[in-house]
Amino acid sequence: MNEIDPHKITIMHYQANSESFWEGTKDHDVNQNYAALQTRLPRSGDVRILDFGCGPGRDLKHFLNRGYIPTGLDGCESFCEMAREYSDCEVLHQDFRELDLPESHFDGIFANASLFHIPKSQFKEVLLQLNTALKEEGILFCSNPRGDGEYFDGSRYGNYMEYLEYEKFFKAAGYEIIDHYYRPQGWPREEQRWLAIVAKKL
């Protein structure tokens, strides 16, 4: 009997629910996350951003409209098709665990609600590959749901960590964390389910 691959099942879940995912997320306010990355990027020139786990393309279009050169990447084929149509940007269809990215190419990486789908056993390797894709002192932003441990409910896999564990992974993969915060803003900490991290390539 074939071994269950939670990561592939997660992609299948998004493939089957791509339209409802778009309807449920297209109007989310993530301006705080945009600003966390954008304020640390070069002020001029051709600034390239990789939207890692771009989904249907909401954030790609945001970055394009602000003068950046964004490239999307997602493991879900239907998301890639939707993102290309919605944003008119280049979108790479790649499994998060099998990346093929150019070296020293991106000024920033925007990984909004995507890194937590990477199995803990492969998390450092993916961070290393993203590090290689960044230019010198490039910025990686991520926002993920907080927690303690890996969880698979039969349709989606999640690798849930708190700040100190993320810090160890980022340090081991050649980054310095320069900022972090919890979301939603203004809520009690126990109700702030999301942890955002801004890291710089060393």
N, C-alpha and C. Protein backbone atom coordinates (compact mmCIF):
# COMPACT_ATOMS: atom_id res chain seq x y z
N MET A 1 0.85 -1.19 0.00
CA MET A 1 0.00 0.00 0.00
C MET A 1 0.89 1.25 0.00
N ASN A 2 0.54 2.25 -0.81
CA ASN A 2 1.33 3.46 -0.89
C ASN A 2 1.23 4.25 0.40
N GLU A 3 2.38 4.82 0.80
CA GLU A 3 2.40 5.65 2.00
C GLU A 3 1.71 6.98 1.72
N ILE A 4 0.91 7.44 2.66
CA ILE A 4 0.21 8.72 2.51
C ILE A 4 1.22 9.86 2.57
N ASP A 5 1.14 10.78 1.63
CA ASP A 5 1.99 11.97 1.61
C ASP A 5 1.11 13.18 1.96
N PRO A 6 1.13 13.63 3.22
CA PRO A 6 0.27 14.76 3.62
C PRO A 6 0.48 16.01 2.78
N HIS A 7 1.73 16.23 2.34
CA HIS A 7 2.00 17.43 1.54
C HIS A 7 1.26 17.38 0.21
N LYS A 8 1.30 16.24 -0.45
CA LYS A 8 0.61 16.12 -1.74
C LYS A 8 -0.91 16.18 -1.55
N ILE A 9 -1.39 15.62 -0.46
CA ILE A 9 -2.83 15.68 -0.19
C ILE A 9 -3.25 17.12 0.07
N THR A 10 -2.39 17.90 0.70
CA THR A 10 -2.67 19.32 0.93
C THR A 10 -2.81 20.05 -0.40
N ILE A 11 -1.92 19.78 -1.34
CA ILE A 11 -2.01 20.40 -2.66
C ILE A 11 -3.32 19.99 -3.35
N MET A 12 -3.68 18.72 -3.23
CA MET A 12 -4.94 18.24 -3.82
C MET A 12 -6.13 18.95 -3.21
N HIS A 13 -6.06 19.23 -1.91
CA HIS A 13 -7.14 19.97 -1.24
C HIS A 13 -7.31 21.35 -1.85
N TYR A 14 -6.20 22.05 -2.03
CA TYR A 14 -6.29 23.39 -2.62
C TYR A 14 -6.73 23.32 -4.08
N GLN A 15 -6.29 22.31 -4.79
CA GLN A 15 -6.69 22.13 -6.18
C GLN A 15 -8.21 21.99 -6.28
N ALA A 16 -8.78 21.25 -5.36
CA ALA A 16 -10.22 20.99 -5.39
C ALA A 16 -11.05 22.16 -4.86
N ASN A 17 -10.40 23.06 -4.12
CA ASN A 17 -11.13 24.16 -3.48
C ASN A 17 -10.59 25.53 -3.88
N SER A 18 -10.00 25.62 -5.06
CA SER A 18 -9.32 26.85 -5.45
C SER A 18 -10.28 28.04 -5.56
N GLU A 19 -11.46 27.83 -6.11
CA GLU A 19 -12.41 28.93 -6.27
C GLU A 19 -12.92 29.44 -4.93
N SER A 20 -13.25 28.53 -4.03
CA SER A 20 -13.75 28.95 -2.72
C SER A 20 -12.64 29.60 -1.90
N PHE A 21 -11.40 29.14 -2.09
CA PHE A 21 -10.27 29.77 -1.41
C PHE A 21 -10.12 31.22 -1.88
N TRP A 22 -10.23 31.44 -3.17
CA TRP A 22 -10.13 32.79 -3.71
C TRP A 22 -11.22 33.69 -3.13
N GLU A 23 -12.44 33.20 -3.12
CA GLU A 23 -13.55 34.01 -2.60
C GLU A 23 -13.36 34.32 -1.12
N GLY A 24 -12.75 33.39 -0.40
CA GLY A 24 -12.58 33.58 1.04
C GLY A 24 -11.39 34.42 1.44
N THR A 25 -10.45 34.64 0.52
CA THR A 25 -9.21 35.35 0.88
C THR A 25 -8.93 36.61 0.07
N LYS A 26 -9.64 36.83 -1.00
CA LYS A 26 -9.29 37.93 -1.91
C LYS A 26 -9.39 39.31 -1.26
N ASP A 27 -10.21 39.44 -0.23
CA ASP A 27 -10.39 40.75 0.41
C ASP A 27 -9.71 40.85 1.78
N HIS A 28 -8.87 39.89 2.13
CA HIS A 28 -8.16 39.95 3.40
C HIS A 28 -7.25 41.18 3.44
N ASP A 29 -7.20 41.83 4.59
CA ASP A 29 -6.33 42.99 4.77
C ASP A 29 -4.97 42.52 5.26
N VAL A 30 -4.00 42.54 4.37
CA VAL A 30 -2.64 42.14 4.74
C VAL A 30 -1.66 43.29 4.53
N ASN A 31 -2.16 44.53 4.64
CA ASN A 31 -1.31 45.69 4.42
C ASN A 31 -0.13 45.74 5.40
N GLN A 32 -0.34 45.30 6.62
CA GLN A 32 0.77 45.27 7.59
C GLN A 32 1.88 44.35 7.09
N ASN A 33 1.51 43.24 6.49
CA ASN A 33 2.51 42.30 5.96
C ASN A 33 3.20 42.85 4.72
N TYR A 34 2.43 43.49 3.84
CA TYR A 34 3.06 44.13 2.69
C TYR A 34 4.13 45.13 3.15
N ALA A 35 3.74 45.97 4.10
CA ALA A 35 4.65 47.02 4.57
C ALA A 35 5.90 46.44 5.22
N ALA A 36 5.75 45.31 5.92
CA ALA A 36 6.89 44.70 6.60
C ALA A 36 7.98 44.32 5.61
N LEU A 37 7.57 43.91 4.40
CA LEU A 37 8.54 43.59 3.36
C LEU A 37 8.97 44.84 2.59
N GLN A 38 8.00 45.61 2.11
CA GLN A 38 8.28 46.70 1.19
C GLN A 38 9.18 47.78 1.80
N THR A 39 9.02 48.07 3.08
CA THR A 39 9.82 49.12 3.71
C THR A 39 11.29 48.74 3.84
N ARG A 40 11.60 47.48 3.58
CA ARG A 40 12.98 47.01 3.71
C ARG A 40 13.61 46.66 2.36
N LEU A 41 12.91 46.93 1.29
CA LEU A 41 13.41 46.67 -0.05
C LEU A 41 14.11 47.91 -0.61
N PRO A 42 14.94 47.75 -1.65
CA PRO A 42 15.56 48.91 -2.30
C PRO A 42 14.50 49.91 -2.76
N ARG A 43 14.85 51.19 -2.72
CA ARG A 43 13.90 52.25 -3.05
C ARG A 43 13.81 52.52 -4.54
N SER A 44 14.76 52.01 -5.30
CA SER A 44 14.76 52.29 -6.73
C SER A 44 15.32 51.09 -7.49
N GLY A 45 15.22 51.18 -8.82
CA GLY A 45 15.73 50.10 -9.66
C GLY A 45 14.70 49.00 -9.85
N ASP A 46 15.11 47.95 -10.54
CA ASP A 46 14.24 46.79 -10.77
C ASP A 46 14.26 45.90 -9.53
N VAL A 47 13.23 46.01 -8.72
CA VAL A 47 13.16 45.26 -7.47
C VAL A 47 12.29 44.02 -7.69
N ARG A 48 12.90 42.87 -7.50
CA ARG A 48 12.23 41.60 -7.80
C ARG A 48 11.76 40.92 -6.52
N ILE A 49 10.51 40.47 -6.55
CA ILE A 49 9.90 39.80 -5.40
C ILE A 49 9.40 38.43 -5.83
N LEU A 50 9.71 37.41 -5.04
CA LEU A 50 9.12 36.09 -5.23
C LEU A 50 7.96 35.94 -4.25
N ASP A 51 6.77 35.74 -4.79
CA ASP A 51 5.60 35.48 -3.95
C ASP A 51 5.50 33.96 -3.80
N PHE A 52 6.01 33.47 -2.68
CA PHE A 52 6.14 32.04 -2.43
C PHE A 52 4.84 31.51 -1.84
N GLY A 53 4.14 30.69 -2.62
CA GLY A 53 2.79 30.28 -2.23
C GLY A 53 1.81 31.37 -2.60
N CYS A 54 1.85 31.76 -3.88
CA CYS A 54 1.12 32.95 -4.33
C CYS A 54 -0.39 32.75 -4.37
N GLY A 55 -0.85 31.49 -4.33
CA GLY A 55 -2.29 31.28 -4.41
C GLY A 55 -2.85 31.84 -5.71
N PRO A 56 -4.08 32.37 -5.69
CA PRO A 56 -4.70 32.86 -6.92
C PRO A 56 -4.18 34.20 -7.43
N GLY A 57 -3.24 34.85 -6.71
CA GLY A 57 -2.58 36.01 -7.28
C GLY A 57 -2.88 37.36 -6.66
N ARG A 58 -3.59 37.38 -5.56
CA ARG A 58 -3.93 38.65 -4.90
C ARG A 58 -2.69 39.51 -4.62
N ASP A 59 -1.68 38.90 -4.01
CA ASP A 59 -0.50 39.66 -3.60
C ASP A 59 0.41 39.99 -4.79
N LEU A 60 0.43 39.12 -5.78
CA LEU A 60 1.18 39.42 -7.00
C LEU A 60 0.70 40.73 -7.62
N LYS A 61 -0.61 40.86 -7.72
CA LYS A 61 -1.16 42.07 -8.33
C LYS A 61 -0.85 43.29 -7.49
N HIS A 62 -0.88 43.15 -6.18
CA HIS A 62 -0.52 44.27 -5.30
C HIS A 62 0.90 44.74 -5.59
N PHE A 63 1.84 43.80 -5.63
CA PHE A 63 3.24 44.18 -5.84
C PHE A 63 3.45 44.76 -7.24
N LEU A 64 2.80 44.18 -8.23
CA LEU A 64 2.91 44.70 -9.60
C LEU A 64 2.41 46.13 -9.68
N ASN A 65 1.28 46.41 -9.04
CA ASN A 65 0.70 47.75 -9.08
C ASN A 65 1.56 48.79 -8.38
N ARG A 66 2.50 48.34 -7.56
CA ARG A 66 3.38 49.27 -6.85
C ARG A 66 4.78 49.34 -7.46
N GLY A 67 4.91 48.83 -8.65
CA GLY A 67 6.13 49.03 -9.39
C GLY A 67 7.21 47.98 -9.22
N TYR A 68 6.91 46.92 -8.49
CA TYR A 68 7.88 45.84 -8.33
C TYR A 68 7.77 44.86 -9.50
N ILE A 69 8.73 43.96 -9.58
CA ILE A 69 8.70 42.88 -10.58
C ILE A 69 8.46 41.58 -9.84
N PRO A 70 7.20 41.17 -9.69
CA PRO A 70 6.88 39.97 -8.91
C PRO A 70 6.81 38.71 -9.76
N THR A 71 7.25 37.63 -9.15
CA THR A 71 7.11 36.29 -9.72
C THR A 71 6.38 35.43 -8.71
N GLY A 72 5.37 34.72 -9.15
CA GLY A 72 4.64 33.84 -8.26
C GLY A 72 5.18 32.42 -8.29
N LEU A 73 4.90 31.68 -7.24
CA LEU A 73 5.25 30.26 -7.17
C LEU A 73 4.21 29.57 -6.32
N ASP A 74 3.68 28.46 -6.84
CA ASP A 74 2.73 27.67 -6.06
C ASP A 74 2.79 26.22 -6.51
N GLY A 75 2.45 25.34 -5.58
CA GLY A 75 2.42 23.92 -5.88
C GLY A 75 1.10 23.45 -6.44
N CYS A 76 0.08 24.30 -6.36
CA CYS A 76 -1.27 23.98 -6.84
C CYS A 76 -1.43 24.52 -8.26
N GLU A 77 -1.66 23.64 -9.21
CA GLU A 77 -1.72 24.05 -10.61
C GLU A 77 -2.85 25.03 -10.89
N SER A 78 -4.02 24.81 -10.29
CA SER A 78 -5.13 25.72 -10.55
C SER A 78 -4.85 27.11 -9.98
N PHE A 79 -4.17 27.18 -8.84
CA PHE A 79 -3.76 28.49 -8.31
C PHE A 79 -2.84 29.20 -9.29
N CYS A 80 -1.90 28.46 -9.86
CA CYS A 80 -0.96 29.06 -10.82
C CYS A 80 -1.71 29.63 -12.02
N GLU A 81 -2.66 28.88 -12.54
CA GLU A 81 -3.44 29.35 -13.69
C GLU A 81 -4.24 30.59 -13.32
N MET A 82 -4.87 30.59 -12.15
CA MET A 82 -5.65 31.74 -11.71
C MET A 82 -4.76 32.96 -11.50
N ALA A 83 -3.59 32.74 -10.91
CA ALA A 83 -2.68 33.85 -10.62
C ALA A 83 -2.16 34.49 -11.90
N ARG A 84 -1.84 33.67 -12.90
CA ARG A 84 -1.37 34.22 -14.18
C ARG A 84 -2.45 35.08 -14.82
N GLU A 85 -3.68 34.57 -14.80
CA GLU A 85 -4.78 35.31 -15.42
C GLU A 85 -5.09 36.60 -14.66
N TYR A 86 -5.08 36.53 -13.33
CA TYR A 86 -5.48 37.69 -12.52
C TYR A 86 -4.40 38.77 -12.51
N SER A 87 -3.12 38.37 -12.42
CA SER A 87 -2.05 39.35 -12.23
C SER A 87 -1.25 39.64 -13.49
N ASP A 88 -1.30 38.75 -14.47
CA ASP A 88 -0.48 38.86 -15.68
C ASP A 88 1.01 38.81 -15.35
N CYS A 89 1.36 38.09 -14.29
CA CYS A 89 2.75 37.93 -13.88
C CYS A 89 3.24 36.52 -14.21
N GLU A 90 4.55 36.36 -14.22
CA GLU A 90 5.13 35.02 -14.34
C GLU A 90 4.82 34.23 -13.07
N VAL A 91 4.36 33.01 -13.22
CA VAL A 91 4.04 32.16 -12.08
C VAL A 91 4.65 30.78 -12.32
N LEU A 92 5.45 30.33 -11.37
CA LEU A 92 6.12 29.04 -11.45
C LEU A 92 5.29 27.97 -10.74
N HIS A 93 5.08 26.85 -11.42
CA HIS A 93 4.39 25.73 -10.79
C HIS A 93 5.45 24.78 -10.24
N GLN A 94 5.72 24.88 -8.94
CA GLN A 94 6.75 24.06 -8.31
C GLN A 94 6.29 23.59 -6.93
N ASP A 95 6.62 22.35 -6.63
CA ASP A 95 6.43 21.82 -5.28
C ASP A 95 7.37 22.55 -4.34
N PHE A 96 6.88 22.97 -3.19
CA PHE A 96 7.71 23.70 -2.23
C PHE A 96 8.96 22.91 -1.85
N ARG A 97 8.88 21.59 -1.93
CA ARG A 97 10.00 20.75 -1.49
C ARG A 97 10.97 20.42 -2.62
N GLU A 98 10.63 20.87 -3.83
CA GLU A 98 11.47 20.56 -5.00
C GLU A 98 11.64 21.83 -5.82
N LEU A 99 12.28 22.82 -5.22
CA LEU A 99 12.39 24.13 -5.84
C LEU A 99 13.51 24.16 -6.89
N ASP A 100 13.29 24.96 -7.90
CA ASP A 100 14.29 25.20 -8.93
C ASP A 100 14.29 26.70 -9.22
N LEU A 101 15.08 27.45 -8.45
CA LEU A 101 15.06 28.91 -8.51
C LEU A 101 16.44 29.44 -8.92
N PRO A 102 16.47 30.60 -9.59
CA PRO A 102 17.75 31.20 -9.96
C PRO A 102 18.48 31.72 -8.72
N GLU A 103 19.79 31.69 -8.76
CA GLU A 103 20.58 32.16 -7.61
C GLU A 103 20.68 33.68 -7.60
N SER A 104 20.66 34.24 -6.40
CA SER A 104 20.87 35.68 -6.18
C SER A 104 20.01 36.52 -7.12
N HIS A 105 18.74 36.20 -7.19
CA HIS A 105 17.85 36.82 -8.19
C HIS A 105 16.83 37.78 -7.57
N PHE A 106 16.35 37.46 -6.38
CA PHE A 106 15.24 38.22 -5.79
C PHE A 106 15.73 39.15 -4.68
N ASP A 107 15.16 40.35 -4.66
CA ASP A 107 15.43 41.29 -3.57
C ASP A 107 14.62 40.93 -2.32
N GLY A 108 13.47 40.33 -2.54
CA GLY A 108 12.62 39.96 -1.42
C GLY A 108 11.79 38.74 -1.74
N ILE A 109 11.41 38.03 -0.69
CA ILE A 109 10.50 36.88 -0.81
C ILE A 109 9.34 37.12 0.13
N PHE A 110 8.13 37.00 -0.38
CA PHE A 110 6.91 37.17 0.39
C PHE A 110 6.25 35.81 0.53
N ALA A 111 6.32 35.25 1.73
CA ALA A 111 5.76 33.91 1.97
C ALA A 111 4.63 34.04 2.98
N ASN A 112 3.47 34.41 2.48
CA ASN A 112 2.32 34.67 3.34
C ASN A 112 1.46 33.42 3.45
N ALA A 113 1.41 32.83 4.65
CA ALA A 113 0.58 31.64 4.90
C ALA A 113 0.96 30.48 3.99
N SER A 114 2.27 30.24 3.84
CA SER A 114 2.70 29.15 2.97
C SER A 114 3.77 28.26 3.59
N LEU A 115 4.74 28.84 4.30
CA LEU A 115 5.84 28.03 4.83
C LEU A 115 5.37 26.97 5.83
N PHE A 116 4.26 27.19 6.48
CA PHE A 116 3.81 26.22 7.49
C PHE A 116 3.32 24.92 6.87
N HIS A 117 3.17 24.90 5.55
CA HIS A 117 2.80 23.65 4.87
C HIS A 117 4.01 22.77 4.58
N ILE A 118 5.21 23.25 4.85
CA ILE A 118 6.42 22.47 4.60
C ILE A 118 6.71 21.57 5.80
N PRO A 119 6.89 20.28 5.59
CA PRO A 119 7.18 19.37 6.71
C PRO A 119 8.40 19.84 7.49
N LYS A 120 8.35 19.67 8.80
CA LYS A 120 9.44 20.13 9.65
C LYS A 120 10.78 19.51 9.25
N SER A 121 10.75 18.26 8.80
CA SER A 121 11.99 17.56 8.43
C SER A 121 12.66 18.20 7.22
N GLN A 122 11.92 18.98 6.43
CA GLN A 122 12.46 19.60 5.22
C GLN A 122 12.50 21.12 5.31
N PHE A 123 12.14 21.65 6.45
CA PHE A 123 11.98 23.10 6.59
C PHE A 123 13.31 23.84 6.40
N LYS A 124 14.36 23.35 7.03
CA LYS A 124 15.66 24.01 6.90
C LYS A 124 16.13 24.00 5.46
N GLU A 125 15.97 22.90 4.76
CA GLU A 125 16.43 22.80 3.38
C GLU A 125 15.71 23.81 2.49
N VAL A 126 14.41 23.98 2.69
CA VAL A 126 13.67 24.95 1.90
C VAL A 126 14.14 26.37 2.21
N LEU A 127 14.36 26.68 3.48
CA LEU A 127 14.89 28.00 3.84
C LEU A 127 16.25 28.24 3.19
N LEU A 128 17.09 27.22 3.13
CA LEU A 128 18.40 27.35 2.49
C LEU A 128 18.25 27.64 1.00
N GLN A 129 17.32 26.96 0.34
CA GLN A 129 17.11 27.20 -1.09
C GLN A 129 16.58 28.60 -1.34
N LEU A 130 15.70 29.08 -0.48
CA LEU A 130 15.20 30.45 -0.62
C LEU A 130 16.32 31.45 -0.36
N ASN A 131 17.19 31.13 0.59
CA ASN A 131 18.34 31.99 0.87
C ASN A 131 19.22 32.13 -0.38
N THR A 132 19.47 31.02 -1.04
CA THR A 132 20.28 31.04 -2.26
C THR A 132 19.64 31.88 -3.35
N ALA A 133 18.32 31.90 -3.41
CA ALA A 133 17.61 32.66 -4.44
C ALA A 133 17.60 34.16 -4.16
N LEU A 134 17.89 34.56 -2.92
CA LEU A 134 17.91 35.97 -2.56
C LEU A 134 19.24 36.62 -2.93
N LYS A 135 19.17 37.90 -3.27
CA LYS A 135 20.38 38.69 -3.44
C LYS A 135 21.02 38.94 -2.08
N GLU A 136 22.23 39.48 -2.07
CA GLU A 136 22.92 39.79 -0.83
C GLU A 136 22.06 40.72 0.03
N GLU A 137 21.88 40.36 1.29
CA GLU A 137 21.06 41.09 2.25
C GLU A 137 19.59 41.18 1.82
N GLY A 138 19.16 40.22 0.99
CA GLY A 138 17.76 40.16 0.61
C GLY A 138 16.87 39.85 1.80
N ILE A 139 15.59 40.13 1.66
CA ILE A 139 14.63 40.03 2.76
C ILE A 139 13.62 38.92 2.50
N LEU A 140 13.41 38.09 3.52
CA LEU A 140 12.35 37.08 3.48
C LEU A 140 11.31 37.44 4.53
N PHE A 141 10.07 37.61 4.08
CA PHE A 141 8.95 37.82 5.00
C PHE A 141 8.09 36.57 5.01
N CYS A 142 7.66 36.16 6.19
CA CYS A 142 6.70 35.06 6.27
C CYS A 142 5.69 35.33 7.37
N SER A 143 4.51 34.81 7.19
CA SER A 143 3.46 34.87 8.21
C SER A 143 2.79 33.51 8.24
N ASN A 144 2.73 32.92 9.43
CA ASN A 144 2.21 31.56 9.56
C ASN A 144 1.39 31.43 10.84
N PRO A 145 0.43 30.52 10.86
CA PRO A 145 -0.30 30.26 12.10
C PRO A 145 0.63 29.65 13.15
N ARG A 146 0.47 30.10 14.39
CA ARG A 146 1.32 29.66 15.48
C ARG A 146 0.84 28.32 16.04
N GLY A 147 1.75 27.67 16.77
CA GLY A 147 1.36 26.45 17.45
C GLY A 147 2.56 25.63 17.84
N ASP A 148 2.30 24.40 18.20
CA ASP A 148 3.36 23.52 18.68
C ASP A 148 3.14 22.12 18.12
N GLY A 149 3.83 21.80 17.04
CA GLY A 149 3.74 20.45 16.50
C GLY A 149 3.17 20.38 15.10
N GLU A 150 3.30 19.22 14.50
CA GLU A 150 2.80 18.98 13.16
C GLU A 150 1.39 18.38 13.25
N TYR A 151 0.55 18.75 12.29
CA TYR A 151 -0.84 18.31 12.34
C TYR A 151 -1.34 18.03 10.93
N PHE A 152 -2.03 16.91 10.76
CA PHE A 152 -2.64 16.54 9.48
C PHE A 152 -4.05 16.05 9.75
N ASP A 153 -5.03 16.75 9.19
CA ASP A 153 -6.43 16.40 9.47
C ASP A 153 -7.06 15.54 8.39
N GLY A 154 -6.23 15.01 7.49
CA GLY A 154 -6.74 14.20 6.40
C GLY A 154 -6.86 14.94 5.09
N SER A 155 -6.86 16.29 5.16
CA SER A 155 -6.93 17.07 3.93
C SER A 155 -5.82 18.12 3.83
N ARG A 156 -5.35 18.63 4.98
CA ARG A 156 -4.28 19.62 4.96
C ARG A 156 -3.27 19.34 6.07
N TYR A 157 -2.00 19.55 5.72
CA TYR A 157 -0.90 19.39 6.67
C TYR A 157 -0.45 20.77 7.15
N GLY A 158 -0.11 20.86 8.43
CA GLY A 158 0.44 22.09 8.97
C GLY A 158 1.59 21.80 9.92
N ASN A 159 2.65 22.60 9.80
CA ASN A 159 3.81 22.54 10.69
C ASN A 159 3.75 23.81 11.54
N TYR A 160 3.29 23.68 12.78
CA TYR A 160 3.02 24.83 13.62
C TYR A 160 4.16 25.03 14.62
N MET A 161 4.71 26.25 14.62
CA MET A 161 5.84 26.56 15.50
C MET A 161 5.63 27.92 16.16
N GLU A 162 6.34 28.12 17.26
CA GLU A 162 6.39 29.42 17.91
C GLU A 162 7.70 30.11 17.56
N TYR A 163 7.86 31.35 18.01
CA TYR A 163 8.96 32.18 17.57
C TYR A 163 10.33 31.55 17.81
N LEU A 164 10.58 31.00 18.98
CA LEU A 164 11.92 30.50 19.30
C LEU A 164 12.32 29.36 18.38
N GLU A 165 11.37 28.53 17.98
CA GLU A 165 11.70 27.45 17.07
C GLU A 165 11.98 27.99 15.67
N TYR A 166 11.17 28.95 15.22
CA TYR A 166 11.46 29.59 13.94
C TYR A 166 12.85 30.22 13.96
N GLU A 167 13.19 30.87 15.04
CA GLU A 167 14.48 31.55 15.15
C GLU A 167 15.63 30.57 14.94
N LYS A 168 15.53 29.39 15.50
CA LYS A 168 16.58 28.39 15.33
C LYS A 168 16.72 27.97 13.87
N PHE A 169 15.58 27.75 13.21
CA PHE A 169 15.62 27.35 11.81
C PHE A 169 16.22 28.45 10.94
N PHE A 170 15.79 29.68 11.15
CA PHE A 170 16.28 30.79 10.32
C PHE A 170 17.78 31.00 10.54
N LYS A 171 18.22 30.93 11.76
CA LYS A 171 19.65 31.10 12.04
C LYS A 171 20.46 30.00 11.37
N ALA A 172 19.99 28.76 11.44
CA ALA A 172 20.70 27.63 10.85
C ALA A 172 20.74 27.72 9.33
N ALA A 173 19.79 28.46 8.74
CA ALA A 173 19.72 28.56 7.28
C ALA A 173 20.35 29.85 6.75
N GLY A 174 21.03 30.61 7.62
CA GLY A 174 21.78 31.77 7.15
C GLY A 174 21.02 33.08 7.11
N TYR A 175 20.08 33.25 8.03
CA TYR A 175 19.32 34.49 8.11
C TYR A 175 19.50 35.13 9.49
N GLU A 176 19.25 36.43 9.53
CA GLU A 176 19.10 37.15 10.79
C GLU A 176 17.67 37.67 10.86
N ILE A 177 16.94 37.32 11.91
CA ILE A 177 15.59 37.85 12.08
C ILE A 177 15.71 39.30 12.55
N ILE A 178 15.12 40.22 11.80
CA ILE A 178 15.22 41.64 12.13
C ILE A 178 13.92 42.21 12.69
N ASP A 179 12.84 41.45 12.62
CA ASP A 179 11.58 41.91 13.20
C ASP A 179 10.62 40.73 13.27
N HIS A 180 9.69 40.79 14.19
CA HIS A 180 8.57 39.85 14.21
C HIS A 180 7.40 40.49 14.94
N TYR A 181 6.22 40.04 14.63
CA TYR A 181 5.02 40.57 15.28
C TYR A 181 3.91 39.54 15.17
N TYR A 182 2.85 39.78 15.93
CA TYR A 182 1.72 38.84 15.99
C TYR A 182 0.48 39.52 15.43
N ARG A 183 -0.38 38.71 14.81
CA ARG A 183 -1.62 39.21 14.23
C ARG A 183 -2.80 38.39 14.72
N PRO A 184 -4.01 38.97 14.73
CA PRO A 184 -4.39 40.32 14.33
C PRO A 184 -3.89 41.39 15.32
N GLN A 185 -3.63 42.59 14.81
CA GLN A 185 -3.15 43.68 15.64
C GLN A 185 -4.17 44.02 16.72
N GLY A 186 -3.66 44.28 17.92
CA GLY A 186 -4.51 44.78 19.00
C GLY A 186 -5.27 43.71 19.76
N TRP A 187 -5.17 42.47 19.36
CA TRP A 187 -5.87 41.40 20.06
C TRP A 187 -5.00 40.88 21.20
N PRO A 188 -5.59 40.25 22.22
CA PRO A 188 -4.79 39.60 23.26
C PRO A 188 -3.88 38.55 22.64
N ARG A 189 -2.68 38.38 23.20
CA ARG A 189 -1.70 37.48 22.60
C ARG A 189 -2.25 36.07 22.38
N GLU A 190 -3.02 35.57 23.32
CA GLU A 190 -3.54 34.20 23.17
C GLU A 190 -4.51 34.08 22.00
N GLU A 191 -5.02 35.21 21.51
CA GLU A 191 -5.94 35.20 20.38
C GLU A 191 -5.25 35.61 19.08
N GLN A 192 -3.97 35.95 19.16
CA GLN A 192 -3.21 36.31 17.96
C GLN A 192 -2.62 35.02 17.37
N ARG A 193 -3.35 34.43 16.47
CA ARG A 193 -3.00 33.11 15.96
C ARG A 193 -1.85 33.14 14.95
N TRP A 194 -1.50 34.32 14.44
CA TRP A 194 -0.52 34.42 13.37
C TRP A 194 0.77 35.08 13.85
N LEU A 195 1.88 34.52 13.43
CA LEU A 195 3.21 35.05 13.73
C LEU A 195 3.87 35.45 12.42
N ALA A 196 4.28 36.72 12.35
CA ALA A 196 4.97 37.23 11.16
C ALA A 196 6.45 37.45 11.49
N ILE A 197 7.32 37.11 10.56
CA ILE A 197 8.76 37.21 10.75
C ILE A 197 9.38 37.89 9.53
N VAL A 198 10.29 38.83 9.82
CA VAL A 198 11.07 39.48 8.76
C VAL A 198 12.54 39.09 8.98
N ALA A 199 13.15 38.47 7.99
CA ALA A 199 14.52 37.98 8.12
C ALA A 199 15.38 38.47 6.97
N LYS A 200 16.65 38.72 7.25
CA LYS A 200 17.59 39.19 6.25
C LYS A 200 18.65 38.13 5.97
N LYS A 201 18.95 37.95 4.71
CA LYS A 201 20.02 37.02 4.32
C LYS A 201 21.36 37.56 4.78
N LEU A 202 22.12 36.72 5.45
CA LEU A 202 23.44 37.13 5.95
C LEU A 202 24.51 36.92 4.87
